[in-house]
């Protein structure tokens, strides 16, 4: 006996029709309903924002960012300039008893640091492999309200560097720390250009090392990504 094949087009229409009726939009959309999403895309209205970031200067935002990043098990080292970054990375790897080698994003922003002058640190630029234990990247921005890092994918920042190695080291300039998520999306739109920007393939928001509490409600670090997140905050 052959099974009856459902009419998927009719089923889809019935489901979408039920949704429209539930929203009070049974029938053709009005002009206002058509224009509402276009207006929202063009004007970017801002949502609620936490008061803790209001009025903070660059130093205040950097302080908040570090506070909330450390609250979710990230570690932070502050250095004065890019010249100090390689030594800070090498010191961190030594403290954690990690190998003095890393795969680094082919990012011109990172090339400002004198990596070759740190003889005990071996750097390879490119995408990570399964054997790479440490990655080094920059970040597009840091968000003070939650201690979150913002990573944009691209040829200068392969997204696998954020997730594959067990230790992720992020070099973040303090002037890239913004107050809120709304501020970051404004920066992305300005960088990509236009009211409807040409967004990167992925925008990764990283808050602390990877964690999961699914197994017997026990917090496990490194479940789906790096078990260590170290931030070198510059300036």
Foldseek 3Di string as FASTA:
>chain_A
DDDDDDDVVVVVVVVVQVVCVVVVNRDDDDPCVVCVVVVCLQPVDDDDADPCLPPDDLVSLLVLLQVQLVVQPAAEAEDAALQCVLVVVQVVCVVVVHQQEEEEFQAPVNVVYPNVVPPRHHYHYDADDLPGQEYEYEFQAAESVRSKTKHADDSRHHCNQQFRHQEYEYEYESVRYDHHPSVVVVVQCVVQDDSNGPGGPDIDIDRFFDWDLPPVRDIDGNPGGHSYYYYYYYD
